Amino acid sequence: MKRGHAEILGTHQPEHQRITNLVQSTDQAAHRAIGVAAALVTTWITLRKGGCR
């Protein structure tokens, strides 16, 4: 049976592991985007109300 380069190098991952890695990466990206959006909204609100004190 012929082995692929991933198996020879020991980097072969089962299908469920690849899916898990994809979900984790997507989750991290979503949290980062939410954090950036929250910072932008907070800054916008602060600057918008800055002259109304």
PDB file of N, CA and C in Angstrom:
ATOM      1  N   MET A   1       0.846  -1.175   0.000  1.00  0.00           N
ATOM      2  CA  MET A   1       0.000   0.000   0.000  1.00  0.00           C
ATOM      3  C   MET A   1       0.893   1.241   0.000  1.00  0.00           C
ATOM      4  N   LYS A   2       0.610   2.143  -0.905  1.00  0.00           N
ATOM      5  CA  LYS A   2       1.404   3.367  -1.028  1.00  0.00           C
ATOM      6  C   LYS A   2       0.968   4.373   0.036  1.00  0.00           C
ATOM      7  N   ARG A   3       1.960   4.986   0.695  1.00  0.00           N
ATOM      8  CA  ARG A   3       1.676   5.970   1.733  1.00  0.00           C
ATOM      9  C   ARG A   3       1.875   7.370   1.178  1.00  0.00           C
ATOM     10  N   GLY A   4       1.016   8.298   1.613  1.00  0.00           N
ATOM     11  CA  GLY A   4       1.127   9.689   1.193  1.00  0.00           C
ATOM     12  C   GLY A   4       2.200  10.409   1.985  1.00  0.00           C
ATOM     13  N   HIS A   5       2.600  11.583   1.506  1.00  0.00           N
ATOM     14  CA  HIS A   5       3.663  12.327   2.176  1.00  0.00           C
ATOM     15  C   HIS A   5       3.282  12.729   3.597  1.00  0.00           C
ATOM     16  N   ALA A   6       2.008  12.965   3.851  1.00  0.00           N
ATOM     17  CA  ALA A   6       1.585  13.353   5.196  1.00  0.00           C
ATOM     18  C   ALA A   6       1.800  12.207   6.180  1.00  0.00           C
ATOM     19  N   GLU A   7       1.550  10.991   5.743  1.00  0.00           N
ATOM     20  CA  GLU A   7       1.758   9.845   6.613  1.00  0.00           C
ATOM     21  C   GLU A   7       3.245   9.604   6.857  1.00  0.00           C
ATOM     22  N   ILE A   8       4.051   9.780   5.837  1.00  0.00           N
ATOM     23  CA  ILE A   8       5.486   9.579   5.973  1.00  0.00           C
ATOM     24  C   ILE A   8       6.082  10.597   6.939  1.00  0.00           C
ATOM     25  N   LEU A   9       5.627  11.836   6.845  1.00  0.00           N
ATOM     26  CA  LEU A   9       6.137  12.886   7.716  1.00  0.00           C
ATOM     27  C   LEU A   9       5.499  12.862   9.102  1.00  0.00           C
ATOM     28  N   GLY A  10       4.480  12.060   9.288  1.00  0.00           N
ATOM     29  CA  GLY A  10       3.811  11.984  10.571  1.00  0.00           C
ATOM     30  C   GLY A  10       2.840  13.134  10.809  1.00  0.00           C
ATOM     31  N   THR A  11       2.421  13.811   9.752  1.00  0.00           N
ATOM     32  CA  THR A  11       1.503  14.941   9.897  1.00  0.00           C
ATOM     33  C   THR A  11       0.082  14.587   9.475  1.00  0.00           C
ATOM     34  N   HIS A  12      -0.159  13.344   9.201  1.00  0.00           N
ATOM     35  CA  HIS A  12      -1.493  12.914   8.787  1.00  0.00           C
ATOM     36  C   HIS A  12      -2.461  13.073   9.944  1.00  0.00           C
ATOM     37  N   GLN A  13      -3.599  13.710   9.699  1.00  0.00           N
ATOM     38  CA  GLN A  13      -4.617  13.897  10.728  1.00  0.00           C
ATOM     39  C   GLN A  13      -5.900  13.214  10.269  1.00  0.00           C
ATOM     40  N   PRO A  14      -6.581  12.576  11.199  1.00  0.00           N
ATOM     41  CA  PRO A  14      -7.881  12.007  10.844  1.00  0.00           C
ATOM     42  C   PRO A  14      -8.859  13.120  10.468  1.00  0.00           C
ATOM     43  N   GLU A  15      -9.899  12.760   9.761  1.00  0.00           N
ATOM     44  CA  GLU A  15     -10.885  13.734   9.282  1.00  0.00           C
ATOM     45  C   GLU A  15     -11.483  14.542  10.428  1.00  0.00           C
ATOM     46  N   HIS A  16     -11.852  13.878  11.513  1.00  0.00           N
ATOM     47  CA  HIS A  16     -12.472  14.603  12.632  1.00  0.00           C
ATOM     48  C   HIS A  16     -11.502  15.608  13.252  1.00  0.00           C
ATOM     49  N   GLN A  17     -10.212  15.305  13.238  1.00  0.00           N
ATOM     50  CA  GLN A  17      -9.230  16.243  13.782  1.00  0.00           C
ATOM     51  C   GLN A  17      -9.119  17.484  12.903  1.00  0.00           C
ATOM     52  N   ARG A  18      -9.167  17.302  11.584  1.00  0.00           N
ATOM     53  CA  ARG A  18      -9.123  18.458  10.672  1.00  0.00           C
ATOM     54  C   ARG A  18     -10.348  19.341  10.863  1.00  0.00           C
ATOM     55  N   ILE A  19     -11.509  18.717  11.043  1.00  0.00           N
ATOM     56  CA  ILE A  19     -12.745  19.483  11.261  1.00  0.00           C
ATOM     57  C   ILE A  19     -12.656  20.238  12.584  1.00  0.00           C
ATOM     58  N   THR A  20     -12.154  19.581  13.617  1.00  0.00           N
ATOM     59  CA  THR A  20     -11.992  20.230  14.918  1.00  0.00           C
ATOM     60  C   THR A  20     -11.060  21.425  14.809  1.00  0.00           C
ATOM     61  N   ASN A  21      -9.950  21.272  14.101  1.00  0.00           N
ATOM     62  CA  ASN A  21      -9.016  22.379  13.923  1.00  0.00           C
ATOM     63  C   ASN A  21      -9.664  23.541  13.169  1.00  0.00           C
ATOM     64  N   LEU A  22     -10.457  23.228  12.165  1.00  0.00           N
ATOM     65  CA  LEU A  22     -11.151  24.260  11.404  1.00  0.00           C
ATOM     66  C   LEU A  22     -12.135  25.022  12.283  1.00  0.00           C
ATOM     67  N   VAL A  23     -12.887  24.299  13.095  1.00  0.00           N
ATOM     68  CA  VAL A  23     -13.866  24.931  13.982  1.00  0.00           C
ATOM     69  C   VAL A  23     -13.158  25.823  15.002  1.00  0.00           C
ATOM     70  N   GLN A  24     -12.041  25.345  15.554  1.00  0.00           N
ATOM     71  CA  GLN A  24     -11.305  26.141  16.534  1.00  0.00           C
ATOM     72  C   GLN A  24     -10.745  27.406  15.895  1.00  0.00           C
ATOM     73  N   SER A  25     -10.220  27.293  14.703  1.00  0.00           N
ATOM     74  CA  SER A  25      -9.684  28.462  14.009  1.00  0.00           C
ATOM     75  C   SER A  25     -10.790  29.471  13.710  1.00  0.00           C
ATOM     76  N   THR A  26     -11.929  28.977  13.269  1.00  0.00           N
ATOM     77  CA  THR A  26     -13.062  29.851  12.969  1.00  0.00           C
ATOM     78  C   THR A  26     -13.558  30.524  14.249  1.00  0.00           C
ATOM     79  N   ASP A  27     -13.599  29.786  15.342  1.00  0.00           N
ATOM     80  CA  ASP A  27     -14.040  30.334  16.621  1.00  0.00           C
ATOM     81  C   ASP A  27     -13.096  31.440  17.088  1.00  0.00           C
ATOM     82  N   GLN A  28     -11.800  31.216  16.964  1.00  0.00           N
ATOM     83  CA  GLN A  28     -10.820  32.231  17.357  1.00  0.00           C
ATOM     84  C   GLN A  28     -10.963  33.489  16.507  1.00  0.00           C
ATOM     85  N   ALA A  29     -11.152  33.311  15.215  1.00  0.00           N
ATOM     86  CA  ALA A  29     -11.312  34.459  14.314  1.00  0.00           C
ATOM     87  C   ALA A  29     -12.582  35.235  14.649  1.00  0.00           C
ATOM     88  N   ALA A  30     -13.651  34.523  14.970  1.00  0.00           N
ATOM     89  CA  ALA A  30     -14.908  35.185  15.324  1.00  0.00           C
ATOM     90  C   ALA A  30     -14.751  35.995  16.609  1.00  0.00           C
ATOM     91  N   HIS A  31     -14.097  35.429  17.601  1.00  0.00           N
ATOM     92  CA  HIS A  31     -13.885  36.156  18.855  1.00  0.00           C
ATOM     93  C   HIS A  31     -13.015  37.392  18.633  1.00  0.00           C
ATOM     94  N   ARG A  32     -12.020  37.269  17.794  1.00  0.00           N
ATOM     95  CA  ARG A  32     -11.148  38.416  17.494  1.00  0.00           C
ATOM     96  C   ARG A  32     -11.951  39.515  16.803  1.00  0.00           C
ATOM     97  N   ALA A  33     -12.780  39.139  15.844  1.00  0.00           N
ATOM     98  CA  ALA A  33     -13.590  40.118  15.116  1.00  0.00           C
ATOM     99  C   ALA A  33     -14.600  40.795  16.052  1.00  0.00           C
ATOM    100  N   ILE A  34     -15.203  40.030  16.946  1.00  0.00           N
ATOM    101  CA  ILE A  34     -16.155  40.605  17.899  1.00  0.00           C
ATOM    102  C   ILE A  34     -15.448  41.584  18.828  1.00  0.00           C
ATOM    103  N   GLY A  35     -14.245  41.235  19.262  1.00  0.00           N
ATOM    104  CA  GLY A  35     -13.474  42.125  20.126  1.00  0.00           C
ATOM    105  C   GLY A  35     -13.127  43.433  19.439  1.00  0.00           C
ATOM    106  N   VAL A  36     -12.719  43.357  18.182  1.00  0.00           N
ATOM    107  CA  VAL A  36     -12.392  44.567  17.420  1.00  0.00           C
ATOM    108  C   VAL A  36     -13.645  45.417  17.224  1.00  0.00           C
ATOM    109  N   ALA A  37     -14.749  44.786  16.882  1.00  0.00           N
ATOM    110  CA  ALA A  37     -15.995  45.525  16.686  1.00  0.00           C
ATOM    111  C   ALA A  37     -16.430  46.205  17.984  1.00  0.00           C
ATOM    112  N   ALA A  38     -16.311  45.515  19.103  1.00  0.00           N
ATOM    113  CA  ALA A  38     -16.690  46.105  20.390  1.00  0.00           C
ATOM    114  C   ALA A  38     -15.808  47.308  20.717  1.00  0.00           C
ATOM    115  N   ALA A  39     -14.510  47.204  20.442  1.00  0.00           N
ATOM    116  CA  ALA A  39     -13.600  48.323  20.693  1.00  0.00           C
ATOM    117  C   ALA A  39     -13.954  49.517  19.814  1.00  0.00           C
ATOM    118  N   LEU A  40     -14.284  49.263  18.564  1.00  0.00           N
ATOM    119  CA  LEU A  40     -14.657  50.351  17.656  1.00  0.00           C
ATOM    120  C   LEU A  40     -15.947  51.036  18.091  1.00  0.00           C
ATOM    121  N   VAL A  41     -16.938  50.261  18.482  1.00  0.00           N
ATOM    122  CA  VAL A  41     -18.207  50.833  18.926  1.00  0.00           C
ATOM    123  C   VAL A  41     -18.004  51.644  20.200  1.00  0.00           C
ATOM    124  N   THR A  42     -17.224  51.107  21.134  1.00  0.00           N
ATOM    125  CA  THR A  42     -16.951  51.831  22.380  1.00  0.00           C
ATOM    126  C   THR A  42     -16.248  53.152  22.094  1.00  0.00           C
ATOM    127  N   THR A  43     -15.255  53.128  21.215  1.00  0.00           N
ATOM    128  CA  THR A  43     -14.542  54.354  20.846  1.00  0.00           C
ATOM    129  C   THR A  43     -15.476  55.346  20.182  1.00  0.00           C
ATOM    130  N   TRP A  44     -16.324  54.864  19.278  1.00  0.00           N
ATOM    131  CA  TRP A  44     -17.252  55.727  18.563  1.00  0.00           C
ATOM    132  C   TRP A  44     -18.225  56.393  19.541  1.00  0.00           C
ATOM    133  N   ILE A  45     -18.770  55.604  20.476  1.00  0.00           N
ATOM    134  CA  ILE A  45     -19.717  56.156  21.452  1.00  0.00           C
ATOM    135  C   ILE A  45     -19.020  57.200  22.329  1.00  0.00           C
ATOM    136  N   THR A  46     -17.810  56.895  22.763  1.00  0.00           N
ATOM    137  CA  THR A  46     -17.068  57.823  23.619  1.00  0.00           C
ATOM    138  C   THR A  46     -16.784  59.130  22.893  1.00  0.00           C
ATOM    139  N   LEU A  47     -16.348  59.052  21.672  1.00  0.00           N
ATOM    140  CA  LEU A  47     -16.021  60.262  20.906  1.00  0.00           C
ATOM    141  C   LEU A  47     -17.276  61.044  20.520  1.00  0.00           C
ATOM    142  N   ARG A  48     -18.354  60.347  20.249  1.00  0.00           N
ATOM    143  CA  ARG A  48     -19.600  60.992  19.858  1.00  0.00           C
ATOM    144  C   ARG A  48     -20.191  61.785  21.005  1.00  0.00           C
ATOM    145  N   LYS A  49     -20.095  61.240  22.206  1.00  0.00           N
ATOM    146  CA  LYS A  49     -20.664  61.909  23.383  1.00  0.00           C
ATOM    147  C   LYS A  49     -19.636  62.785  24.088  1.00  0.00           C
ATOM    148  N   GLY A  50     -18.460  62.926  23.537  1.00  0.00           N
ATOM    149  CA  GLY A  50     -17.384  63.661  24.199  1.00  0.00           C
ATOM    150  C   GLY A  50     -17.718  65.114  24.498  1.00  0.00           C
ATOM    151  N   GLY A  51     -18.472  65.769  23.640  1.00  0.00           N
ATOM    152  CA  GLY A  51     -18.786  67.175  23.837  1.00  0.00           C
ATOM    153  C   GLY A  51     -20.033  67.420  24.671  1.00  0.00           C
ATOM    154  N   CYS A  52     -20.702  66.401  25.134  1.00  0.00           N
ATOM    155  CA  CYS A  52     -21.978  66.554  25.841  1.00  0.00           C
ATOM    156  C   CYS A  52     -21.839  66.452  27.346  1.00  0.00           C
ATOM    157  N   ARG A  53     -20.676  66.617  27.907  1.00  0.00           N
ATOM    158  CA  ARG A  53     -20.508  66.435  29.344  1.00  0.00           C
ATOM    159  C   ARG A  53     -21.038  67.583  30.131  1.00  0.00           C
TER     160      ARG A  53
END
